[in-house]
Amino acid sequence: MRSRTRENLAGWLFVAPVVLILGLFLLLPILMALWVSLTDWNGQGSPFQGGVPFAGVDNYAKLFTEDGLARQNFMTSLRNNGYYVAFVVPMQTVLALGLALVVNRRRTFFRTAFYFPSVTSSVAISVVFLFIFSNSGAVNQLLAFFGVKGPQWFSDPRGIFHLLFGDFLPKDSGPLGLSWYEWLSGPSVAMCAIILLVVWTTSGTFMLMFLAALQNIPPALDEAAALDGAGRWQIFRYVTLPQLKPTMFLVLTLGLIGTWQVFDQIYVMSQGNPAKTTLTPAFLSYRTAFRDFDYGAGTAISFVLFLIIVLLTLFQRWVMRERKA
């Protein structure tokens, strides 16, 4: 009994520095930010001293229940980010898996070439994409060569579903302050350019994860399946993919979290424009707090975003859970 008590005490002593650091620099700031989200602090003075108006849940109510610009902006940002997630996560996952399958038996050069965009500064790549997708950029020049007039990428607020099915989209008033037309218009042309950028720059990192998982699959499994008469597609579907399920869960989880937190590309390339079609919750939180000096509302947006990420991650874990045969 005494030896067990001593072991427990020794264990706590070993982890105490890490627990103290995490509590001081992670948990405490989160609790302080939660308090700020319940106030109308404007950034002057300290939010923990007297004189700061206490707002309670009003900052949260403005985002969901009260008609006004705050709810309209927040719902617009959720719509934009929802389409962004729906396009980026599947595309970067499929591309990363495809690249991993290609380089699994190739030389190191291709692995380095595919991974290089992931280690390059996102700000630098965003600036390059601004030039490429400008009105006289390389993309529009290429489209003009084939006789197609390219759009004004970062000035075009139209959604792609709007362009394809504009006459069939309902224009009635919809939920949460936006019309059904706004909900269903799809990602804007400007957001599509950002989607292409992010898919290209993030696929290399996830490629390495899939590559490591592929190299851990015993070759005997593929050989046994081939001896049983399975073709390449059958081996991939029934042997390779099941072995990649843990890595697939990791890639999808990291992709989901990263796409809901997108900020730097929006900040550099569009600032939420045109017509708020690239506005995201992370950028809206920054703009509300540091430009409009409404730190309470900006912090409330960040906590709602945190809750969305947690709930979606738990849902994804439930969907991909191990099921009994």
Foldseek 3Di string as FASTA:
>chain_A
DVVVVVVVVVVCVVCVVVVVVCCVPPVVVVVLLVQLLQWQFLPPDDPPDPDTGGRGCVLVCCCFPDDDDNVVLQVLQVLLLVLLLVQQLVLLLVLLLVLLVVCLPPDVVSLCVQQVLQPDDPLVLLVVLLQQLALPHVVQVVCVVVVHGDDRQLAWQFAPCCVVPVVPFDQAQDPRNRRSCSSPRHQTSNSVSVSVSVSSRPSSVLSVLLNVLQVPQDVVLVVVCVVVPDDPVRCCVVPVVVSCLVSSLVSSLVSLVDSLQDDSSCVNNHLCDDVNSNRHLNSVLCCCCVPVSRNNSSSSSVVVSVVVSVVVSVVSCVVSDDDDD
